[in-house]
Structure formats: structure tokens, C-alpha cells
Protein backbone atom coordinates (compact mmCIF):
# COMPACT_ATOMS: atom_id res chain seq x y z
CA MET A 1 136.75 111.56 230.03
CA GLU A 2 133.78 111.80 227.72
CA PHE A 3 131.72 113.48 230.92
CA PHE A 4 133.98 115.96 231.72
CA TRP A 5 134.72 117.32 228.51
CA GLY A 6 130.52 117.60 227.67
CA LYS A 7 130.78 119.29 230.98
CA MET A 8 133.45 121.70 229.66
CA CYS A 9 131.94 122.35 226.65
CA GLN A 10 128.26 123.06 228.99
CA TRP A 11 130.82 125.23 230.54
CA PHE A 12 131.50 127.18 227.50
CA ASN A 13 128.03 127.35 226.41
CA ASN A 14 126.95 128.58 229.48
CA ASN A 15 128.77 132.19 229.03
CA LYS A 16 130.83 131.94 231.76
CA THR A 17 133.75 134.42 232.04
CA VAL A 18 136.62 132.44 230.95
CA SER A 19 139.81 134.44 229.99
CA ASN A 20 140.99 133.31 226.96
CA PRO A 21 138.97 130.08 225.77
CA LEU A 22 142.06 128.55 223.41
CA THR A 23 144.41 129.07 226.21
CA VAL A 24 142.70 127.66 228.74
CA LYS A 25 141.20 124.34 226.39
CA LYS A 26 145.32 124.01 225.38
CA LEU A 27 145.94 123.41 229.18
CA TRP A 28 142.93 121.36 229.68
CA GLU A 29 144.95 119.16 226.84
CA LEU A 30 148.23 119.40 228.41
CA SER A 31 146.67 118.35 231.64
CA GLU A 32 145.05 115.16 230.18
CA GLU A 33 148.49 114.55 228.36
CA ASN A 34 150.71 114.66 231.70
CA GLY A 35 147.89 113.01 233.54
CA THR A 36 147.44 115.59 236.17
CA LYS A 37 143.83 116.31 235.38
CA VAL A 38 142.93 113.75 237.80
CA MET A 39 144.03 116.26 240.47
CA MET A 40 141.63 118.83 239.55
CA THR A 41 138.37 115.95 238.13
CA HIS A 42 138.27 113.45 241.13
CA VAL A 43 137.78 113.83 245.20
CA TYR A 44 139.83 111.43 247.32
CA ASP A 45 139.19 111.05 251.39
CA MET A 46 141.80 109.25 253.43
CA THR A 47 139.61 107.29 255.80
CA LEU A 48 140.61 105.31 258.78
CA LEU A 49 137.99 103.39 260.98
CA GLY A 50 137.93 104.83 264.33
CA GLU A 51 135.90 103.80 267.39
CA LEU A 52 134.48 105.91 270.50
CA HIS A 53 132.36 104.47 272.91
CA GLY A 54 132.16 101.34 271.08
CA HIS A 55 131.00 102.38 268.22
CA LYS A 56 132.66 102.17 264.69
CA PHE A 57 132.85 105.61 263.03
CA HIS A 58 134.91 106.84 259.34
CA CYS A 59 137.27 109.09 260.52
CA VAL A 60 139.00 111.64 257.58
CA MET A 61 142.11 112.71 257.82
CA ASP A 62 142.21 116.47 256.66
CA THR A 63 144.96 118.02 256.29
CA GLY A 64 143.02 121.23 255.41
CA ALA A 65 141.32 121.04 258.98
CA GLN A 66 142.65 122.83 261.66
CA LEU A 67 140.51 121.18 264.75
CA ASN A 68 138.85 117.75 264.89
CA ALA A 69 134.98 117.87 264.24
CA LEU A 70 132.28 115.84 265.42
CA PRO A 71 128.92 116.24 264.04
CA LYS A 72 126.26 116.68 266.82
CA TYR A 73 124.00 113.43 265.76
CA ILE A 74 126.49 111.56 266.67
CA VAL A 75 126.80 112.98 269.88
CA GLU A 76 123.06 112.76 270.28
CA ARG A 77 122.91 109.07 269.02
CA LEU A 78 126.10 107.81 271.62
CA GLY A 79 124.36 109.87 274.67
CA MET A 80 127.37 112.27 275.00
CA GLU A 81 125.26 115.48 275.29
CA ASP A 82 126.42 115.98 278.91
CA MET A 83 130.13 116.00 277.64
CA VAL A 84 129.18 119.24 275.50
CA ASP A 85 130.87 122.50 276.78
CA HIS A 86 128.63 124.86 275.32
CA SER A 87 130.80 128.13 277.25
CA ILE A 88 132.71 128.11 274.07
CA ASP A 89 131.67 129.41 270.68
CA CYS A 90 134.06 128.15 268.02
CA HIS A 91 133.91 129.67 264.86
CA PHE A 92 134.73 128.04 261.32
CA THR A 93 135.06 128.04 257.81
CA GLY A 94 135.94 124.88 255.88
CA LEU A 95 134.75 122.14 254.10
CA VAL A 96 132.00 121.68 256.23
CA GLY A 97 130.82 125.04 255.60
CA SER A 98 130.89 128.01 257.96
CA GLY A 99 129.11 128.90 261.35
CA VAL A 100 129.44 128.54 265.14
CA SER A 101 130.14 125.14 266.45
CA TYR A 102 127.27 123.29 268.74
CA GLY A 103 130.31 122.99 271.45
CA ILE A 104 133.56 121.53 272.09
CA ILE A 105 134.37 117.90 273.73
CA PRO A 106 137.54 118.61 275.37
CA HIS A 107 138.38 114.88 275.65
CA LEU A 108 137.27 111.87 274.04
CA ASP A 109 138.93 108.29 274.03
CA LEU A 110 139.10 107.74 270.37
CA SER A 111 140.72 104.45 268.93
CA ILE A 112 142.07 103.87 265.77
CA GLY A 113 142.81 100.17 264.94
CA ASN A 114 144.61 99.35 268.49
CA ILE A 115 146.00 102.58 269.00
CA HIS A 116 144.70 104.59 271.91
CA CYS A 117 144.33 108.45 270.51
CA PRO A 118 142.50 110.49 273.17
CA THR A 119 141.47 113.83 271.41
CA GLY A 120 139.20 116.86 271.56
CA PHE A 121 136.13 117.75 269.27
CA ILE A 122 134.70 120.93 268.06
CA VAL A 123 130.85 119.82 267.63
CA ILE A 124 129.12 120.88 264.63
CA ASP A 125 125.58 121.03 264.12
CA HIS A 126 124.84 120.82 260.27
CA MET A 127 128.33 118.37 259.24
CA GLN A 128 126.80 115.16 257.29
CA MET A 129 129.25 114.92 254.62
CA HIS A 130 132.04 112.57 257.17
CA ASP A 131 131.49 111.11 260.75
CA ILE A 132 134.86 112.43 262.05
CA ILE A 133 137.14 115.08 260.86
CA LEU A 134 140.64 114.83 262.13
CA GLY A 135 142.57 117.78 261.69
CA THR A 136 146.30 119.26 261.59
CA SER A 137 145.90 119.51 265.49
CA PHE A 138 145.56 115.89 265.58
CA MET A 139 148.05 114.89 263.04
CA LYS A 140 150.68 116.86 264.93
CA PHE A 141 150.11 115.54 268.26
CA TYR A 142 150.08 112.20 267.02
CA LYS A 143 153.18 112.68 264.83
CA ILE A 144 151.14 111.24 261.93
CA LYS A 145 152.82 110.33 258.75
CA ILE A 146 151.09 109.66 255.79
CA ASP A 147 152.68 107.43 252.74
CA PHE A 148 150.65 108.29 249.60
CA GLU A 149 152.18 105.99 247.34
CA THR A 150 151.56 103.03 249.75
CA ASN A 151 148.27 103.91 251.38
CA LYS A 152 149.52 103.86 254.49
CA ILE A 153 149.18 106.08 257.78
CA PHE A 154 151.59 105.98 260.82
CA ILE A 155 150.32 106.84 264.00
CA ASN A 156 153.36 107.36 266.67
CA GLY A 157 155.00 105.54 264.49
CA LYS A 158 152.77 102.30 264.18
CA ASN A 159 151.23 101.70 260.95
CA VAL A 160 147.51 101.84 260.56
CA THR A 161 145.32 100.86 257.49
CA VAL A 162 143.83 103.55 255.42
CA THR A 163 141.59 103.68 252.88
CA LEU A 164 141.32 106.41 249.89
CA THR A 165 138.00 106.55 248.60
CA GLU A 166 137.12 107.93 245.51
CA ARG A 167 133.99 110.26 246.18
CA ASP A 168 131.13 109.56 243.73
CA ARG A 169 131.25 113.64 242.78
CA TYR A 170 133.68 115.75 240.22
CA ILE A 171 135.25 118.93 241.36
CA LEU A 172 134.80 120.34 237.78
């Protein structure tokens, strides 16, 4: 917690605009008291172990992403360049930044555990933070159910092992 308060003091000392520093400080104190501060200071990823073309990758379930995303370097490493449809420009904005996709792969055989999940991906040139992002289109199609209390994810009713990992970074 020292890290956070030190950063908050630095925040005020940098002359950043704060509507009412006393009100803001009180709100942070309340968040500390009721335990909600962790929602604003820590970042967690829901990661599944997936497999494409015999290679294992970390798949992040991203409820804020509408589409599934695959970085270009994975496409190149697996020799799948000939599978990319470059005739469609997909404009995106989100966790990975914003821009135009490198292309689209309309069908890949993704496996998560022993569950076969064929899916399509937009291929993003500069995506480096995650191996694979599975968005809401994937979650809707495969009837994903997420149980945060037990850290379980169900794909079409089948339980899959999930890892909630805390990032080595803070939002604030």
C-alpha cells in the first residue's frame, strides 16, 4: 500500500487537476476501508491454455473485445501466412491499441484443454501483450460461463482450467 500512497502523493505534487483533493482523498480512504481499492489498483487476466497447430499459447478471455485477435508474429511463426485474407480491412480500437488489422483468418482449429473450438481471428500486426485474445463473439458462440468465485470457466457446459494472473503493473 505504501507504493500506492507514494504514487498518490506524487500525483498531487505533479499539479495534475483534481476537483477537490480532500474529497478524492476521502474516497480513496473509503475504498481502502471497504476493500474495493484492489479493483482500481490491480489488473488481472483470465488466461486459458490453448493450442493452435500443435503449439500451446495463452488465451486471454477479454469481455471488452468484440472479436478474437491473433498477433501477426504467431501467424508467421506457425507458417500460416497463406491463410490470411488481406481483402478485408478490420478497424479496431481497444486493449491492443487502435489501427487496421493485418488481415483475417476466418477459421482456425483452436483447442482449449480437450475442447475443440474452431474460430476465426483478426490478425494484428503490433499485438505483443497477449498470445491470443478471445472476445465476446467467441464467448457468445461457445456459451462461455465464468465463475469468478471458483476461478472456473465453462465452454459449452464443460469445465476448463483457468488462471487468474495478477499483472506486474498497476492501473494507478
